[in-house]
Each structure stands twice: as C-alpha cells, then as structure tokens.
Amino acid sequence: MKVREATDTDFPALAEVQGAVWPDHATTAETLAHEDADLRRHPIGAHLWRVVAEDSAGRVVGSGSLMQWPGMFHPDRYHAEVLVRPEDRGRGAGRVLAAALEAHLRECGAREVLATSREDCPEGLAFLSRRGFGEHMRYFASALTLATFDPARWAGAERLPEGLRLRSLADLVAEVGEEAAWRAYFDVYRAVRADVPRAGEATPLDFGHFRTRAEDERFWPEGVLFAVTEDGEVAALTELYADATDPTRLQTGLTGTRQEWRRRGVGLALKLAALRLARERGAQSVWTDNASSNAPMLGLNGRLGFVRQPAWVELRRGRVEEGTL
C-alpha cells in the first residue's frame, strides 16, 4: 500500500470510498469539493489534510482525513477519519492511513482528536479503541418514510400559536429583502444552536461565512422554515436540505426554538410543516440526526414516526485541557 496526499483529482475516488463504507450516507465529488473549499475559506483558519491509500495497481482503496470543525474550533483539536473499502480490508490500508494521520497530528501538536464509527461496525470501533480512543458521545440518524406518515393524526398541530406566522427563507427574502432575511436567519440559528449537544464549546458564528451556505447545491431556501413574530423576529426554525445522491430523500438541518417560545408546540408545528413540504416535493423519506442526550428532540421525532438507525459513536483521545497526545 502507498499513501500520498490527496489532490483535487481524487474527489471522485474519495466519494466512492465513502459510499462504499457508508452506503446510506453517500456523497458526490462535487459535494466533497464544495465542503473542502468552504472549510478552507473559513475566517477561523481551520486545518484540513487528506490522504489516500493506493494499491499496487494505483487504485484508491481508502482515505484518511484530519480537519478542524469551525463550529467547535480549538487550535489543538482535530477530527480524524479513516475509511477503507470493505473489499480491500485486511491488507494494511487502514494501518498505513492511520500511521500517516498520527505523524501529521504530531507535527501539528494536537492535544485532542475526535473520531467516529457506528455501533454496527465493531471492526471500526475496535480499530479506534486499539489506538487509544474511548467513547464520548452517541448520535442517532433517524428516518421517516413519508408513505407511512399519516398527517390526519396531527390535525391542528401544524397551527402555530397566536402571534406567529409560518414563513420560508424565500418568503422572508421577498418580504424584507435578502440582507434582512439572512440576518434574521442568522440570529435565530445562533440562538438555538447554543443548546445543541457537542463534544466541546461552540465557536461563535461568522455572518459572512454563514451566508455562503446558499452556494451549496443541497441548499433549499423554500425548505428553511421559520415561525415569525408580529415584530418580524424569528422565534424558531427548521431546515430541510436536498440529499447529495438521492433525489427522493431530504435531510433535516437544525431545528430549534428560542427559550421564550418553548413548550408551546412551535417546534412540532414547524416539523409538521416541513413534512408537508417534503411530501409536496415528492420526497419519499426525511432523515435527521440527534445526539443521544437530546431527549426532547429524540422524543418528538419518535412521536412523528422517525425510526432510529444504528448509532454513530463519537470517540475521543486526549483533551485540549491536557498535554499533547
């Protein structure tokens, strides 16, 4: 096996490897290229490094990456990933990729590394455990098959409380202009994301970079739904995005409600509006992700009929508060 640094020409192979390892979370070369470019231009200066493993025929059989997530940034915290095609496992690709990442982490002076596998992938969990990683958090992907969802069961629940009106981002842009609409979107997103469980402290958002999400081909302005007050403040939001590879599937982004509007059915009303919109678009399923500690949202999704998939297990080695790895 030969390990080399990845180039822009490797994006198709990187997407193929990810699809082979996680078929229900496949991606495209274009999506990966966009995500990498978006990370590199973030004003926080996050680190990104990708490598590939090739066999003797020059075929990419695996990939490795180290990156820093801007939303939970610390200069000494990194997120690592090693993926090897199932048919090519047992030939040393994972070992050489991990060795390359370890060497790069030492060069960077990393003090904390996070990595993720899934509970139905015991070999992946064992691979990380042998390298000193221990479980830290779990996340559930949950899927709702729209053909089995009965909106009549929720008659009346889609109605927002008095004083709120349903608007999409596209609606809000038409009403108040693009700049004001995006500012309102940014403000509510920033407010509700503070309660999202994560492995470290949330990093403050940058409005200029927040606006670049509109450049993602998966972004759907009509699928970003708000509950708007009479004064024009956004009290709650939920987001639907197109899937990178499956046109019949939609992904849920952030769903949340400002503190002063909670426990009044606002989140449920927005989720129901989003499911209605998904049906109108012709989607067959809607997916969402929630931390295992986010009991309120997991409970809401369960009531709506979302079925939990095998949990993603986030593992950690080291802590930014401690010495180097």
C-alpha atoms as a PDB file:
ATOM      1  CA  MET A   1       0.000   0.000   0.000  1.00  0.00           C
ATOM      2  CA  LYS A   2       1.136   3.508  -0.851  1.00  0.00           C
ATOM      3  CA  VAL A   3      -0.123   6.586   0.978  1.00  0.00           C
ATOM      4  CA  ARG A   4       0.005  10.014  -0.630  1.00  0.00           C
ATOM      5  CA  GLU A   5      -1.587  13.377  -0.076  1.00  0.00           C
ATOM      6  CA  ALA A   6      -4.902  13.758  -1.879  1.00  0.00           C
ATOM      7  CA  THR A   7      -5.372  16.242  -4.721  1.00  0.00           C
ATOM      8  CA  ASP A   8      -8.430  17.771  -6.350  1.00  0.00           C
ATOM      9  CA  THR A   9      -8.442  14.950  -8.910  1.00  0.00           C
ATOM     10  CA  ASP A  10      -9.134  12.470  -6.101  1.00  0.00           C
ATOM     11  CA  PHE A  11     -12.587  13.773  -5.205  1.00  0.00           C
ATOM     12  CA  PRO A  12     -14.419  11.134  -7.314  1.00  0.00           C
ATOM     13  CA  ALA A  13     -12.413   8.350  -5.642  1.00  0.00           C
ATOM     14  CA  LEU A  14     -12.963   9.885  -2.184  1.00  0.00           C
ATOM     15  CA  ALA A  15     -16.716   9.959  -2.799  1.00  0.00           C
ATOM     16  CA  GLU A  16     -16.662   6.334  -3.991  1.00  0.00           C
ATOM     17  CA  VAL A  17     -14.822   5.223  -0.866  1.00  0.00           C
ATOM     18  CA  GLN A  18     -17.298   6.991   1.418  1.00  0.00           C
ATOM     19  CA  GLY A  19     -20.257   5.487  -0.442  1.00  0.00           C
ATOM     20  CA  ALA A  20     -18.743   2.021  -0.216  1.00  0.00           C
ATOM     21  CA  VAL A  21     -18.146   2.324   3.541  1.00  0.00           C
ATOM     22  CA  TRP A  22     -21.390   4.135   4.432  1.00  0.00           C
ATOM     23  CA  PRO A  23     -23.924   3.462   1.620  1.00  0.00           C
ATOM     24  CA  ASP A  24     -26.739   5.293   3.393  1.00  0.00           C
ATOM     25  CA  HIS A  25     -24.524   8.381   3.762  1.00  0.00           C
ATOM     26  CA  ALA A  26     -23.078   8.555   0.276  1.00  0.00           C
ATOM     27  CA  THR A  27     -21.810  11.775  -1.235  1.00  0.00           C
ATOM     28  CA  THR A  28     -20.550  13.144  -4.544  1.00  0.00           C
ATOM     29  CA  ALA A  29     -17.233  14.507  -5.738  1.00  0.00           C
ATOM     30  CA  GLU A  30     -18.844  17.911  -6.220  1.00  0.00           C
ATOM     31  CA  THR A  31     -20.190  17.970  -2.657  1.00  0.00           C
ATOM     32  CA  LEU A  32     -16.826  16.999  -1.182  1.00  0.00           C
ATOM     33  CA  ALA A  33     -15.052  19.636  -3.260  1.00  0.00           C
ATOM     34  CA  HIS A  34     -17.536  22.276  -2.097  1.00  0.00           C
ATOM     35  CA  GLU A  35     -17.191  21.269   1.567  1.00  0.00           C
ATOM     36  CA  ASP A  36     -13.392  21.355   1.405  1.00  0.00           C
ATOM     37  CA  ALA A  37     -13.357  24.746  -0.322  1.00  0.00           C
ATOM     38  CA  ASP A  38     -15.853  26.080   2.216  1.00  0.00           C
ATOM     39  CA  LEU A  39     -13.706  24.893   5.111  1.00  0.00           C
ATOM     40  CA  ARG A  40     -10.516  26.336   3.659  1.00  0.00           C
ATOM     41  CA  ARG A  41     -12.023  29.783   3.197  1.00  0.00           C
ATOM     42  CA  HIS A  42     -13.479  29.967   6.698  1.00  0.00           C
ATOM     43  CA  PRO A  43     -12.057  33.011   8.500  1.00  0.00           C
ATOM     44  CA  ILE A  44     -11.198  30.952  11.583  1.00  0.00           C
ATOM     45  CA  GLY A  45      -8.344  29.282   9.685  1.00  0.00           C
ATOM     46  CA  ALA A  46      -9.326  25.647  10.247  1.00  0.00           C
ATOM     47  CA  HIS A  47      -6.881  22.906   9.248  1.00  0.00           C
ATOM     48  CA  LEU A  48      -7.693  20.296   6.573  1.00  0.00           C
ATOM     49  CA  TRP A  49      -5.491  17.441   5.355  1.00  0.00           C
ATOM     50  CA  ARG A  50      -6.499  14.456   3.231  1.00  0.00           C
ATOM     51  CA  VAL A  51      -4.558  11.378   2.155  1.00  0.00           C
ATOM     52  CA  VAL A  52      -5.393   8.330   0.065  1.00  0.00           C
ATOM     53  CA  ALA A  53      -4.108   4.753   0.087  1.00  0.00           C
ATOM     54  CA  GLU A  54      -3.419   3.144  -3.292  1.00  0.00           C
ATOM     55  CA  ASP A  55      -2.760  -0.497  -4.076  1.00  0.00           C
ATOM     56  CA  SER A  56      -0.025  -1.693  -6.429  1.00  0.00           C
ATOM     57  CA  ALA A  57      -2.287  -1.011  -9.413  1.00  0.00           C
ATOM     58  CA  GLY A  58      -2.754   2.636  -8.395  1.00  0.00           C
ATOM     59  CA  ARG A  59      -6.382   2.132  -7.334  1.00  0.00           C
ATOM     60  CA  VAL A  60      -7.590   4.203  -4.363  1.00  0.00           C
ATOM     61  CA  VAL A  61      -8.713   1.693  -1.741  1.00  0.00           C
ATOM     62  CA  GLY A  62      -9.013   4.004   1.256  1.00  0.00           C
ATOM     63  CA  SER A  63      -8.817   7.557   2.510  1.00  0.00           C
ATOM     64  CA  GLY A  64      -7.847   9.444   5.624  1.00  0.00           C
ATOM     65  CA  SER A  65      -8.527  12.979   6.772  1.00  0.00           C
ATOM     66  CA  LEU A  66      -7.742  15.394   9.555  1.00  0.00           C
ATOM     67  CA  MET A  67      -9.798  18.531   9.897  1.00  0.00           C
ATOM     68  CA  GLN A  68     -10.864  21.138  12.399  1.00  0.00           C
ATOM     69  CA  TRP A  69     -14.558  21.977  12.544  1.00  0.00           C
ATOM     70  CA  PRO A  70     -15.196  25.728  12.693  1.00  0.00           C
ATOM     71  CA  GLY A  71     -18.346  25.247  14.761  1.00  0.00           C
ATOM     72  CA  MET A  72     -16.363  23.688  17.622  1.00  0.00           C
ATOM     73  CA  PHE A  73     -12.912  25.075  16.953  1.00  0.00           C
ATOM     74  CA  HIS A  74      -9.834  24.810  19.109  1.00  0.00           C
ATOM     75  CA  PRO A  75      -6.366  25.102  17.544  1.00  0.00           C
ATOM     76  CA  ASP A  76      -5.312  21.834  19.217  1.00  0.00           C
ATOM     77  CA  ARG A  77      -8.467  19.791  18.466  1.00  0.00           C
ATOM     78  CA  TYR A  78      -8.726  17.667  15.304  1.00  0.00           C
ATOM     79  CA  HIS A  79     -11.276  15.324  13.789  1.00  0.00           C
ATOM     80  CA  ALA A  80      -9.836  12.189  12.206  1.00  0.00           C
ATOM     81  CA  GLU A  81     -11.344   9.725   9.760  1.00  0.00           C
ATOM     82  CA  VAL A  82     -10.026   6.548   8.149  1.00  0.00           C
ATOM     83  CA  LEU A  83     -12.148   4.789   5.520  1.00  0.00           C
ATOM     84  CA  VAL A  84     -11.244   1.592   3.645  1.00  0.00           C
ATOM     85  CA  ARG A  85     -13.399  -0.087   1.019  1.00  0.00           C
ATOM     86  CA  PRO A  86     -14.961  -3.243   2.537  1.00  0.00           C
ATOM     87  CA  GLU A  87     -13.498  -5.492  -0.172  1.00  0.00           C
ATOM     88  CA  ASP A  88      -9.994  -4.155   0.481  1.00  0.00           C
ATOM     89  CA  ARG A  89      -9.866  -4.527   4.248  1.00  0.00           C
ATOM     90  CA  GLY A  90      -7.289  -6.762   5.887  1.00  0.00           C
ATOM     91  CA  ARG A  91      -4.496  -5.689   3.516  1.00  0.00           C
ATOM     92  CA  GLY A  92      -2.967  -2.967   5.673  1.00  0.00           C
ATOM     93  CA  ALA A  93      -4.587   0.121   4.147  1.00  0.00           C
ATOM     94  CA  GLY A  94      -6.150   1.177   7.442  1.00  0.00           C
ATOM     95  CA  ARG A  95      -2.861   0.805   9.300  1.00  0.00           C
ATOM     96  CA  VAL A  96      -0.833   2.885   6.868  1.00  0.00           C
ATOM     97  CA  LEU A  97      -3.502   5.578   6.697  1.00  0.00           C
ATOM     98  CA  ALA A  98      -3.683   5.754  10.497  1.00  0.00           C
ATOM     99  CA  ALA A  99       0.116   5.964  10.691  1.00  0.00           C
ATOM    100  CA  ALA A 100       0.120   8.897   8.263  1.00  0.00           C
ATOM    101  CA  LEU A 101      -2.533  10.706  10.303  1.00  0.00           C
ATOM    102  CA  GLU A 102      -0.658  10.046  13.547  1.00  0.00           C
ATOM    103  CA  ALA A 103       2.527  11.538  12.117  1.00  0.00           C
ATOM    104  CA  HIS A 104       0.645  14.609  10.929  1.00  0.00           C
ATOM    105  CA  LEU A 105      -1.015  15.026  14.325  1.00  0.00           C
ATOM    106  CA  ARG A 106       2.385  15.017  15.997  1.00  0.00           C
ATOM    107  CA  GLU A 107       3.608  17.673  13.585  1.00  0.00           C
ATOM    108  CA  CYS A 108       0.562  19.795  14.415  1.00  0.00           C
ATOM    109  CA  GLY A 109       0.978  19.371  18.179  1.00  0.00           C
ATOM    110  CA  ALA A 110      -2.576  18.052  18.587  1.00  0.00           C
ATOM    111  CA  ARG A 111      -3.903  17.641  22.122  1.00  0.00           C
ATOM    112  CA  GLU A 112      -7.344  16.195  21.325  1.00  0.00           C
ATOM    113  CA  VAL A 113      -8.617  14.010  18.481  1.00  0.00           C
ATOM    114  CA  LEU A 114     -12.219  13.021  17.804  1.00  0.00           C
ATOM    115  CA  ALA A 115     -13.198  10.145  15.534  1.00  0.00           C
ATOM    116  CA  THR A 116     -16.492   8.467  14.651  1.00  0.00           C
ATOM    117  CA  SER A 117     -17.663   4.986  13.766  1.00  0.00           C
ATOM    118  CA  ARG A 118     -21.030   3.258  14.052  1.00  0.00           C
ATOM    119  CA  GLU A 119     -22.323   0.739  16.549  1.00  0.00           C
ATOM    120  CA  ASP A 120     -22.977  -1.800  13.781  1.00  0.00           C
ATOM    121  CA  CYS A 121     -19.324  -1.557  12.697  1.00  0.00           C
ATOM    122  CA  PRO A 122     -17.458  -3.342  15.524  1.00  0.00           C
ATOM    123  CA  GLU A 123     -14.238  -3.536  13.491  1.00  0.00           C
ATOM    124  CA  GLY A 124     -14.211   0.258  13.193  1.00  0.00           C
ATOM    125  CA  LEU A 125     -14.781   0.723  16.909  1.00  0.00           C
ATOM    126  CA  ALA A 126     -12.064  -1.824  17.709  1.00  0.00           C
ATOM    127  CA  PHE A 127      -9.671  -0.093  15.277  1.00  0.00           C
ATOM    128  CA  LEU A 128     -10.102   3.164  17.183  1.00  0.00           C
ATOM    129  CA  SER A 129     -10.009   1.534  20.605  1.00  0.00           C
ATOM    130  CA  ARG A 130      -6.631  -0.052  19.826  1.00  0.00           C
ATOM    131  CA  ARG A 131      -5.345   3.454  19.112  1.00  0.00           C
ATOM    132  CA  GLY A 132      -6.387   4.822  22.456  1.00  0.00           C
ATOM    133  CA  PHE A 133      -9.812   6.276  21.655  1.00  0.00           C
ATOM    134  CA  GLY A 134     -12.669   5.989  24.135  1.00  0.00           C
ATOM    135  CA  GLU A 135     -16.395   6.568  23.607  1.00  0.00           C
ATOM    136  CA  HIS A 136     -17.564  10.090  24.342  1.00  0.00           C
ATOM    137  CA  MET A 137     -20.988  10.635  22.733  1.00  0.00           C
ATOM    138  CA  ARG A 138     -23.552   8.913  20.530  1.00  0.00           C
ATOM    139  CA  TYR A 139     -25.724  10.313  17.770  1.00  0.00           C
ATOM    140  CA  PHE A 140     -28.735   8.793  16.072  1.00  0.00           C
ATOM    141  CA  ALA A 141     -29.645   9.169  12.436  1.00  0.00           C
ATOM    142  CA  SER A 142     -33.411   8.685  12.219  1.00  0.00           C
ATOM    143  CA  ALA A 143     -35.503   8.195   9.096  1.00  0.00           C
ATOM    144  CA  LEU A 144     -39.193   8.771   8.424  1.00  0.00           C
ATOM    145  CA  THR A 145     -40.797   7.011   5.458  1.00  0.00           C
ATOM    146  CA  LEU A 146     -43.371   9.516   4.237  1.00  0.00           C
ATOM    147  CA  ALA A 147     -45.655   6.834   2.780  1.00  0.00           C
ATOM    148  CA  THR A 148     -46.314   5.583   6.320  1.00  0.00           C
ATOM    149  CA  PHE A 149     -46.827   9.031   7.840  1.00  0.00           C
ATOM    150  CA  ASP A 150     -50.469   9.959   8.497  1.00  0.00           C
ATOM    151  CA  PRO A 151     -50.862  13.763   8.672  1.00  0.00           C
ATOM    152  CA  ALA A 152     -54.502  13.363   9.768  1.00  0.00           C
ATOM    153  CA  ARG A 153     -53.248  12.096  13.123  1.00  0.00           C
ATOM    154  CA  TRP A 154     -51.718  15.516  13.686  1.00  0.00           C
ATOM    155  CA  ALA A 155     -54.658  17.619  12.548  1.00  0.00           C
ATOM    156  CA  GLY A 156     -54.428  21.051  14.138  1.00  0.00           C
ATOM    157  CA  ALA A 157     -50.903  20.556  15.496  1.00  0.00           C
ATOM    158  CA  GLU A 158     -49.377  22.327  12.485  1.00  0.00           C
ATOM    159  CA  ARG A 159     -51.116  25.527  13.542  1.00  0.00           C
ATOM    160  CA  LEU A 160     -48.631  27.924  15.112  1.00  0.00           C
ATOM    161  CA  PRO A 161     -49.525  29.710  18.377  1.00  0.00           C
ATOM    162  CA  GLU A 162     -51.176  33.095  18.099  1.00  0.00           C
ATOM    163  CA  GLY A 163     -48.662  35.786  17.277  1.00  0.00           C
ATOM    164  CA  LEU A 164     -46.556  33.588  14.970  1.00  0.00           C
ATOM    165  CA  ARG A 165     -46.726  33.024  11.223  1.00  0.00           C
ATOM    166  CA  LEU A 166     -45.060  30.430   9.032  1.00  0.00           C
ATOM    167  CA  ARG A 167     -42.546  31.736   6.504  1.00  0.00           C
ATOM    168  CA  SER A 168     -39.747  30.172   4.495  1.00  0.00           C
ATOM    169  CA  LEU A 169     -36.432  31.879   3.937  1.00  0.00           C
ATOM    170  CA  ALA A 170     -37.560  32.527   0.364  1.00  0.00           C
ATOM    171  CA  ASP A 171     -40.750  34.152   1.688  1.00  0.00           C
ATOM    172  CA  LEU A 172     -38.797  36.317   4.098  1.00  0.00           C
ATOM    173  CA  VAL A 173     -36.401  37.469   1.380  1.00  0.00           C
ATOM    174  CA  ALA A 174     -39.411  38.558  -0.706  1.00  0.00           C
ATOM    175  CA  GLU A 175     -40.911  40.404   2.271  1.00  0.00           C
ATOM    176  CA  VAL A 176     -37.979  42.232   3.845  1.00  0.00           C
ATOM    177  CA  GLY A 177     -35.085  41.843   1.398  1.00  0.00           C
ATOM    178  CA  GLU A 178     -32.162  39.467   1.250  1.00  0.00           C
ATOM    179  CA  GLU A 179     -29.900  41.121   3.810  1.00  0.00           C
ATOM    180  CA  ALA A 180     -32.564  41.487   6.499  1.00  0.00           C
ATOM    181  CA  ALA A 181     -33.897  37.962   5.907  1.00  0.00           C
ATOM    182  CA  TRP A 182     -30.455  36.411   6.223  1.00  0.00           C
ATOM    183  CA  ARG A 183     -29.757  38.449   9.352  1.00  0.00           C
ATOM    184  CA  ALA A 184     -32.963  37.115  10.923  1.00  0.00           C
ATOM    185  CA  TYR A 185     -31.985  33.570   9.884  1.00  0.00           C
ATOM    186  CA  PHE A 186     -28.505  34.020  11.344  1.00  0.00           C
ATOM    187  CA  ASP A 187     -29.826  35.431  14.633  1.00  0.00           C
ATOM    188  CA  VAL A 188     -32.219  32.560  15.343  1.00  0.00           C
ATOM    189  CA  TYR A 189     -29.704  29.955  14.190  1.00  0.00           C
ATOM    190  CA  ARG A 190     -27.088  31.412  16.532  1.00  0.00           C
ATOM    191  CA  ALA A 191     -29.563  31.474  19.428  1.00  0.00           C
ATOM    192  CA  VAL A 192     -30.867  27.922  19.201  1.00  0.00           C
ATOM    193  CA  ARG A 193     -27.583  26.209  18.275  1.00  0.00           C
ATOM    194  CA  ALA A 194     -26.230  27.111  21.708  1.00  0.00           C
ATOM    195  CA  ASP A 195     -28.269  24.219  23.147  1.00  0.00           C
ATOM    196  CA  VAL A 196     -27.060  21.591  20.653  1.00  0.00           C
ATOM    197  CA  PRO A 197     -25.017  18.875  22.460  1.00  0.00           C
ATOM    198  CA  ARG A 198     -21.410  18.672  21.277  1.00  0.00           C
ATOM    199  CA  ALA A 199     -18.020  17.429  22.437  1.00  0.00           C
ATOM    200  CA  GLY A 200     -16.638  20.919  23.063  1.00  0.00           C
ATOM    201  CA  GLU A 201     -17.651  24.532  23.417  1.00  0.00           C
ATOM    202  CA  ALA A 202     -19.436  26.042  20.421  1.00  0.00           C
ATOM    203  CA  THR A 203     -17.433  28.595  18.434  1.00  0.00           C
ATOM    204  CA  PRO A 204     -19.158  31.929  17.663  1.00  0.00           C
ATOM    205  CA  LEU A 205     -20.553  32.060  14.131  1.00  0.00           C
ATOM    206  CA  ASP A 206     -19.369  34.434  11.417  1.00  0.00           C
ATOM    207  CA  PHE A 207     -22.225  36.031   9.461  1.00  0.00           C
ATOM    208  CA  GLY A 208     -20.239  36.425   6.257  1.00  0.00           C
ATOM    209  CA  HIS A 209     -19.381  32.751   6.196  1.00  0.00           C
ATOM    210  CA  PHE A 210     -22.917  31.778   7.256  1.00  0.00           C
ATOM    211  CA  ARG A 211     -24.181  33.371   4.043  1.00  0.00           C
ATOM    212  CA  THR A 212     -22.050  31.019   1.922  1.00  0.00           C
ATOM    213  CA  ARG A 213     -24.364  28.090   2.736  1.00  0.00           C
ATOM    214  CA  ALA A 214     -26.541  29.401  -0.100  1.00  0.00           C
ATOM    215  CA  GLU A 215     -23.789  28.298  -2.509  1.00  0.00           C
ATOM    216  CA  ASP A 216     -24.208  24.625  -1.572  1.00  0.00           C
ATOM    217  CA  GLU A 217     -26.164  22.750  -4.235  1.00  0.00           C
ATOM    218  CA  ARG A 218     -28.110  20.980  -1.470  1.00  0.00           C
ATOM    219  CA  PHE A 219     -29.382  24.252  -0.008  1.00  0.00           C
ATOM    220  CA  TRP A 220     -33.133  24.798  -0.454  1.00  0.00           C
ATOM    221  CA  PRO A 221     -34.417  28.270   0.576  1.00  0.00           C
ATOM    222  CA  GLU A 222     -38.038  27.100   0.466  1.00  0.00           C
ATOM    223  CA  GLY A 223     -37.099  24.295   2.878  1.00  0.00           C
ATOM    224  CA  VAL A 224     -35.783  26.651   5.560  1.00  0.00           C
ATOM    225  CA  LEU A 225     -38.934  27.318   7.610  1.00  0.00           C
ATOM    226  CA  PHE A 226     -39.427  29.945  10.292  1.00  0.00           C
ATOM    227  CA  ALA A 227     -42.001  30.846  12.908  1.00  0.00           C
ATOM    228  CA  VAL A 228     -42.010  34.658  12.717  1.00  0.00           C
ATOM    229  CA  THR A 229     -43.426  37.042  15.317  1.00  0.00           C
ATOM    230  CA  GLU A 230     -45.575  40.068  14.525  1.00  0.00           C
ATOM    231  CA  ASP A 231     -42.482  42.210  15.098  1.00  0.00           C
ATOM    232  CA  GLY A 232     -40.528  40.261  12.487  1.00  0.00           C
ATOM    233  CA  GLU A 233     -38.318  38.285  14.865  1.00  0.00           C
ATOM    234  CA  VAL A 234     -37.772  34.619  14.038  1.00  0.00           C
ATOM    235  CA  ALA A 235     -38.868  32.596  17.068  1.00  0.00           C
ATOM    236  CA  ALA A 236     -37.992  29.142  15.730  1.00  0.00           C
ATOM    237  CA  LEU A 237     -36.670  27.372  12.654  1.00  0.00           C
ATOM    238  CA  THR A 238     -36.297  24.015  10.977  1.00  0.00           C
ATOM    239  CA  GLU A 239     -34.249  23.263   7.875  1.00  0.00           C
ATOM    240  CA  LEU A 240     -34.633  20.790   5.011  1.00  0.00           C
ATOM    241  CA  TYR A 241     -31.815  20.148   2.567  1.00  0.00           C
ATOM    242  CA  ALA A 242     -31.575  18.050  -0.556  1.00  0.00           C
ATOM    243  CA  ASP A 243     -29.516  14.868  -0.318  1.00  0.00           C
ATOM    244  CA  ALA A 244     -26.248  14.726  -2.246  1.00  0.00           C
ATOM    245  CA  THR A 245     -27.034  11.466  -4.060  1.00  0.00           C
ATOM    246  CA  ASP A 246     -30.701  10.530  -3.531  1.00  0.00           C
ATOM    247  CA  PRO A 247     -33.327  12.881  -5.005  1.00  0.00           C
ATOM    248  CA  THR A 248     -36.113  11.100  -3.066  1.00  0.00           C
ATOM    249  CA  ARG A 249     -34.511  11.861   0.296  1.00  0.00           C
ATOM    250  CA  LEU A 250     -34.337  15.079   2.306  1.00  0.00           C
ATOM    251  CA  GLN A 251     -32.028  15.853   5.209  1.00  0.00           C
ATOM    252  CA  THR A 252     -33.029  17.856   8.273  1.00  0.00           C
ATOM    253  CA  GLY A 253     -30.633  20.543   9.452  1.00  0.00           C
ATOM    254  CA  LEU A 254     -31.050  22.495  12.668  1.00  0.00           C
ATOM    255  CA  THR A 255     -34.441  22.583  14.390  1.00  0.00           C
ATOM    256  CA  GLY A 256     -34.876  24.759  17.442  1.00  0.00           C
ATOM    257  CA  THR A 257     -36.950  27.349  19.293  1.00  0.00           C
ATOM    258  CA  ARG A 258     -35.916  30.405  21.248  1.00  0.00           C
ATOM    259  CA  GLN A 259     -36.205  29.986  25.007  1.00  0.00           C
ATOM    260  CA  GLU A 260     -39.194  32.309  25.391  1.00  0.00           C
ATOM    261  CA  TRP A 261     -41.282  30.355  22.857  1.00  0.00           C
ATOM    262  CA  ARG A 262     -40.583  26.831  24.066  1.00  0.00           C
ATOM    263  CA  ARG A 263     -43.188  24.339  25.357  1.00  0.00           C
ATOM    264  CA  ARG A 264     -45.886  25.854  23.153  1.00  0.00           C
ATOM    265  CA  GLY A 265     -45.835  23.390  20.258  1.00  0.00           C
ATOM    266  CA  VAL A 266     -43.815  25.624  17.942  1.00  0.00           C
ATOM    267  CA  GLY A 267     -41.189  23.005  17.140  1.00  0.00           C
ATOM    268  CA  LEU A 268     -43.819  20.368  16.393  1.00  0.00           C
ATOM    269  CA  ALA A 269     -45.739  22.754  14.141  1.00  0.00           C
ATOM    270  CA  LEU A 270     -42.610  23.531  12.134  1.00  0.00           C
ATOM    271  CA  LYS A 271     -41.662  19.857  11.830  1.00  0.00           C
ATOM    272  CA  LEU A 272     -45.157  19.059  10.536  1.00  0.00           C
ATOM    273  CA  ALA A 273     -44.953  21.932   8.047  1.00  0.00           C
ATOM    274  CA  ALA A 274     -41.613  20.568   6.862  1.00  0.00           C
ATOM    275  CA  LEU A 275     -43.059  17.070   6.369  1.00  0.00           C
ATOM    276  CA  ARG A 276     -45.949  18.512   4.373  1.00  0.00           C
ATOM    277  CA  LEU A 277     -43.453  20.405   2.225  1.00  0.00           C
ATOM    278  CA  ALA A 278     -41.394  17.237   1.752  1.00  0.00           C
ATOM    279  CA  ARG A 279     -44.457  15.350   0.506  1.00  0.00           C
ATOM    280  CA  GLU A 280     -45.302  18.169  -1.895  1.00  0.00           C
ATOM    281  CA  ARG A 281     -41.746  17.992  -3.256  1.00  0.00           C
ATOM    282  CA  GLY A 282     -42.196  14.264  -3.900  1.00  0.00           C
ATOM    283  CA  ALA A 283     -39.693  13.074  -1.304  1.00  0.00           C
ATOM    284  CA  GLN A 284     -40.010   9.516  -0.044  1.00  0.00           C
ATOM    285  CA  SER A 285     -38.095   9.922   3.202  1.00  0.00           C
ATOM    286  CA  VAL A 286     -36.814  12.565   5.600  1.00  0.00           C
ATOM    287  CA  TRP A 287     -33.705  11.997   7.702  1.00  0.00           C
ATOM    288  CA  THR A 288     -32.459  13.735  10.811  1.00  0.00           C
ATOM    289  CA  ASP A 289     -29.561  13.459  13.288  1.00  0.00           C
ATOM    290  CA  ASN A 290     -29.700  13.982  17.048  1.00  0.00           C
ATOM    291  CA  ALA A 291     -27.332  13.415  19.946  1.00  0.00           C
ATOM    292  CA  SER A 292     -28.399  10.610  22.282  1.00  0.00           C
ATOM    293  CA  SER A 293     -28.524  13.207  25.076  1.00  0.00           C
ATOM    294  CA  ASN A 294     -31.051  15.364  23.194  1.00  0.00           C
ATOM    295  CA  ALA A 295     -34.072  13.652  24.739  1.00  0.00           C
ATOM    296  CA  PRO A 296     -36.693  16.301  23.771  1.00  0.00           C
ATOM    297  CA  MET A 297     -35.904  16.176  20.056  1.00  0.00           C
ATOM    298  CA  LEU A 298     -35.481  12.386  20.009  1.00  0.00           C
ATOM    299  CA  GLY A 299     -38.852  12.110  21.720  1.00  0.00           C
ATOM    300  CA  LEU A 300     -40.515  14.454  19.238  1.00  0.00           C
ATOM    301  CA  ASN A 301     -39.068  12.606  16.264  1.00  0.00           C
ATOM    302  CA  GLY A 302     -40.151   9.285  17.749  1.00  0.00           C
ATOM    303  CA  ARG A 303     -43.725  10.521  18.139  1.00  0.00           C
ATOM    304  CA  LEU A 304     -43.718  11.563  14.478  1.00  0.00           C
ATOM    305  CA  GLY A 305     -42.604   8.088  13.400  1.00  0.00           C
ATOM    306  CA  PHE A 306     -38.897   8.585  12.766  1.00  0.00           C
ATOM    307  CA  VAL A 307     -37.050   5.271  13.141  1.00  0.00           C
ATOM    308  CA  ARG A 308     -33.609   5.338  14.725  1.00  0.00           C
ATOM    309  CA  GLN A 309     -30.786   3.862  12.712  1.00  0.00           C
ATOM    310  CA  PRO A 310     -27.638   2.338  14.286  1.00  0.00           C
ATOM    311  CA  ALA A 311     -25.986   4.974  16.457  1.00  0.00           C
ATOM    312  CA  TRP A 312     -22.918   6.915  15.405  1.00  0.00           C
ATOM    313  CA  VAL A 313     -20.340   6.614  18.170  1.00  0.00           C
ATOM    314  CA  GLU A 314     -18.033   9.570  18.695  1.00  0.00           C
ATOM    315  CA  LEU A 315     -14.753   8.624  20.356  1.00  0.00           C
ATOM    316  CA  ARG A 316     -12.108  10.895  21.787  1.00  0.00           C
ATOM    317  CA  ARG A 317      -8.419  10.673  22.611  1.00  0.00           C
ATOM    318  CA  GLY A 318      -6.753  13.355  24.714  1.00  0.00           C
ATOM    319  CA  ARG A 319      -8.221  16.655  25.855  1.00  0.00           C
ATOM    320  CA  VAL A 320      -7.341  20.206  24.865  1.00  0.00           C
ATOM    321  CA  GLU A 321      -7.029  20.965  28.578  1.00  0.00           C
ATOM    322  CA  GLU A 322      -4.232  18.390  28.868  1.00  0.00           C
ATOM    323  CA  GLY A 323      -0.808  17.834  27.291  1.00  0.00           C
ATOM    324  CA  THR A 324      -0.029  16.655  23.767  1.00  0.00           C
ATOM    325  CA  LEU A 325      -1.150  13.221  22.598  1.00  0.00           C
END
